[in-house]
Amino acid sequence: MPELDLNQKARVFNALSDPTRLQIVEQLADGQERTSKEIADYLGITLALFCHHASTLNQAGILIKRKQGQSSYNRLNLEMLHQCLHSLGGPSSPQPE
């Protein structure tokens, strides 16, 4: 995967700044795929609210959605998340004194 530019990183961190979206990411952090309804039920939110948050995560490149029949399946783009988080501690980052 090519290195993320600052705008892409900003979209990722902006998407992660919301507690509900962060819960969605935590729910999918095990790498498993789950339906939108499963995630909404687990979080105790409506499917419409989940779809709103999922759209933001998808636009940031964090969430990958797959449609099968009437259901949407969601999983994390773990490579994107890892690359974005890893960039914070890379060799070009200033080191604390």
C-alpha atoms as a PDB file:
ATOM      1  CA  MET A   1       0.000   0.000   0.000  1.00  0.00           C
ATOM      2  CA  PRO A   2       1.430   3.435  -0.899  1.00  0.00           C
ATOM      3  CA  GLU A   3       2.234   5.830   1.937  1.00  0.00           C
ATOM      4  CA  LEU A   4      -0.705   7.911   3.110  1.00  0.00           C
ATOM      5  CA  ASP A   5      -0.579  11.652   2.533  1.00  0.00           C
ATOM      6  CA  LEU A   6      -1.507  14.153   5.244  1.00  0.00           C
ATOM      7  CA  ASN A   7      -5.058  14.639   3.931  1.00  0.00           C
ATOM      8  CA  GLN A   8      -5.725  10.899   4.057  1.00  0.00           C
ATOM      9  CA  LYS A   9      -4.334  10.697   7.591  1.00  0.00           C
ATOM     10  CA  ALA A  10      -6.482  13.660   8.633  1.00  0.00           C
ATOM     11  CA  ARG A  11      -9.617  11.911   7.291  1.00  0.00           C
ATOM     12  CA  VAL A  12      -8.740   8.762   9.251  1.00  0.00           C
ATOM     13  CA  PHE A  13      -8.117  10.605  12.522  1.00  0.00           C
ATOM     14  CA  ASN A  14     -11.206  12.766  12.025  1.00  0.00           C
ATOM     15  CA  ALA A  15     -13.307   9.636  11.506  1.00  0.00           C
ATOM     16  CA  LEU A  16     -11.851   8.091  14.663  1.00  0.00           C
ATOM     17  CA  SER A  17     -12.598  11.208  16.744  1.00  0.00           C
ATOM     18  CA  ASP A  18     -16.234  10.222  17.313  1.00  0.00           C
ATOM     19  CA  PRO A  19     -16.924   7.801  20.206  1.00  0.00           C
ATOM     20  CA  THR A  20     -19.526   5.802  18.252  1.00  0.00           C
ATOM     21  CA  ARG A  21     -17.224   5.383  15.261  1.00  0.00           C
ATOM     22  CA  LEU A  22     -14.416   4.375  17.582  1.00  0.00           C
ATOM     23  CA  GLN A  23     -16.724   1.725  19.088  1.00  0.00           C
ATOM     24  CA  ILE A  24     -17.446   0.432  15.578  1.00  0.00           C
ATOM     25  CA  VAL A  25     -13.707   0.153  14.922  1.00  0.00           C
ATOM     26  CA  GLU A  26     -13.168  -1.609  18.255  1.00  0.00           C
ATOM     27  CA  GLN A  27     -16.010  -4.033  17.454  1.00  0.00           C
ATOM     28  CA  LEU A  28     -14.355  -4.947  14.148  1.00  0.00           C
ATOM     29  CA  ALA A  29     -10.750  -4.906  15.413  1.00  0.00           C
ATOM     30  CA  ASP A  30     -10.653  -8.707  15.572  1.00  0.00           C
ATOM     31  CA  GLY A  31     -10.634  -8.761  11.763  1.00  0.00           C
ATOM     32  CA  GLN A  32     -14.015 -10.473  11.479  1.00  0.00           C
ATOM     33  CA  GLU A  33     -16.734  -9.338   9.113  1.00  0.00           C
ATOM     34  CA  ARG A  34     -20.098  -8.382  10.628  1.00  0.00           C
ATOM     35  CA  THR A  35     -23.414  -7.229   9.237  1.00  0.00           C
ATOM     36  CA  SER A  36     -24.508  -3.659   9.739  1.00  0.00           C
ATOM     37  CA  LYS A  37     -27.428  -4.895  11.843  1.00  0.00           C
ATOM     38  CA  GLU A  38     -25.148  -6.960  14.089  1.00  0.00           C
ATOM     39  CA  ILE A  39     -22.960  -3.940  14.782  1.00  0.00           C
ATOM     40  CA  ALA A  40     -25.907  -1.585  15.323  1.00  0.00           C
ATOM     41  CA  ASP A  41     -27.543  -4.052  17.723  1.00  0.00           C
ATOM     42  CA  TYR A  42     -24.291  -4.569  19.621  1.00  0.00           C
ATOM     43  CA  LEU A  43     -23.833  -0.798  20.041  1.00  0.00           C
ATOM     44  CA  GLY A  44     -27.504  -0.200  20.872  1.00  0.00           C
ATOM     45  CA  ILE A  45     -28.008   2.275  18.022  1.00  0.00           C
ATOM     46  CA  THR A  46     -30.397   2.370  15.096  1.00  0.00           C
ATOM     47  CA  LEU A  47     -29.379   0.940  11.751  1.00  0.00           C
ATOM     48  CA  ALA A  48     -29.782   4.427  10.237  1.00  0.00           C
ATOM     49  CA  LEU A  49     -27.320   5.897  12.754  1.00  0.00           C
ATOM     50  CA  PHE A  50     -24.891   3.062  12.101  1.00  0.00           C
ATOM     51  CA  CYS A  51     -25.117   3.739   8.351  1.00  0.00           C
ATOM     52  CA  HIS A  52     -24.345   7.424   8.967  1.00  0.00           C
ATOM     53  CA  HIS A  53     -21.214   6.572  10.944  1.00  0.00           C
ATOM     54  CA  ALA A  54     -20.227   3.755   8.578  1.00  0.00           C
ATOM     55  CA  SER A  55     -20.346   6.198   5.669  1.00  0.00           C
ATOM     56  CA  THR A  56     -17.798   8.445   7.399  1.00  0.00           C
ATOM     57  CA  LEU A  57     -15.541   5.468   8.159  1.00  0.00           C
ATOM     58  CA  ASN A  58     -15.884   4.233   4.584  1.00  0.00           C
ATOM     59  CA  GLN A  59     -14.999   7.638   3.114  1.00  0.00           C
ATOM     60  CA  ALA A  60     -11.897   7.705   5.312  1.00  0.00           C
ATOM     61  CA  GLY A  61     -10.899   4.300   3.952  1.00  0.00           C
ATOM     62  CA  ILE A  62     -11.182   2.580   7.335  1.00  0.00           C
ATOM     63  CA  LEU A  63     -14.303   0.508   6.685  1.00  0.00           C
ATOM     64  CA  ILE A  64     -14.780  -1.885   3.807  1.00  0.00           C
ATOM     65  CA  LYS A  65     -18.390  -2.721   2.978  1.00  0.00           C
ATOM     66  CA  ARG A  66     -19.562  -5.732   1.006  1.00  0.00           C
ATOM     67  CA  LYS A  67     -23.168  -6.142  -0.091  1.00  0.00           C
ATOM     68  CA  GLN A  68     -24.686  -9.614  -0.296  1.00  0.00           C
ATOM     69  CA  GLY A  69     -28.395  -9.799  -0.973  1.00  0.00           C
ATOM     70  CA  GLN A  70     -30.193  -7.524   1.486  1.00  0.00           C
ATOM     71  CA  SER A  71     -27.308  -7.477   3.966  1.00  0.00           C
ATOM     72  CA  SER A  72     -24.206  -5.318   4.115  1.00  0.00           C
ATOM     73  CA  TYR A  73     -21.089  -6.862   5.614  1.00  0.00           C
ATOM     74  CA  ASN A  74     -18.441  -4.664   7.167  1.00  0.00           C
ATOM     75  CA  ARG A  75     -14.798  -5.189   7.999  1.00  0.00           C
ATOM     76  CA  LEU A  76     -11.892  -2.942   8.823  1.00  0.00           C
ATOM     77  CA  ASN A  77      -9.168  -1.986   6.412  1.00  0.00           C
ATOM     78  CA  LEU A  78      -6.567  -3.093   8.946  1.00  0.00           C
ATOM     79  CA  GLU A  79      -3.673  -2.303   6.618  1.00  0.00           C
ATOM     80  CA  MET A  80      -4.801   1.329   6.303  1.00  0.00           C
ATOM     81  CA  LEU A  81      -5.286   1.690  10.048  1.00  0.00           C
ATOM     82  CA  HIS A  82      -1.946   0.098  10.837  1.00  0.00           C
ATOM     83  CA  GLN A  83      -0.133   2.298   8.327  1.00  0.00           C
ATOM     84  CA  CYS A  84      -1.804   5.455   9.635  1.00  0.00           C
ATOM     85  CA  LEU A  85      -1.102   4.697  13.282  1.00  0.00           C
ATOM     86  CA  HIS A  86       2.420   3.491  12.556  1.00  0.00           C
ATOM     87  CA  SER A  87       3.195   6.783  10.802  1.00  0.00           C
ATOM     88  CA  LEU A  88       2.864   8.593  14.126  1.00  0.00           C
ATOM     89  CA  GLY A  89       5.921   6.892  15.557  1.00  0.00           C
ATOM     90  CA  GLY A  90       8.042   6.589  12.418  1.00  0.00           C
ATOM     91  CA  PRO A  91      11.685   7.636  12.226  1.00  0.00           C
ATOM     92  CA  SER A  92      10.766  11.038  10.775  1.00  0.00           C
ATOM     93  CA  SER A  93       8.697  11.893  13.840  1.00  0.00           C
ATOM     94  CA  PRO A  94      10.311  14.175  16.406  1.00  0.00           C
ATOM     95  CA  GLN A  95      11.443  12.275  19.464  1.00  0.00           C
ATOM     96  CA  PRO A  96      10.451  13.563  22.936  1.00  0.00           C
ATOM     97  CA  GLU A  97      13.307  14.721  25.110  1.00  0.00           C
END
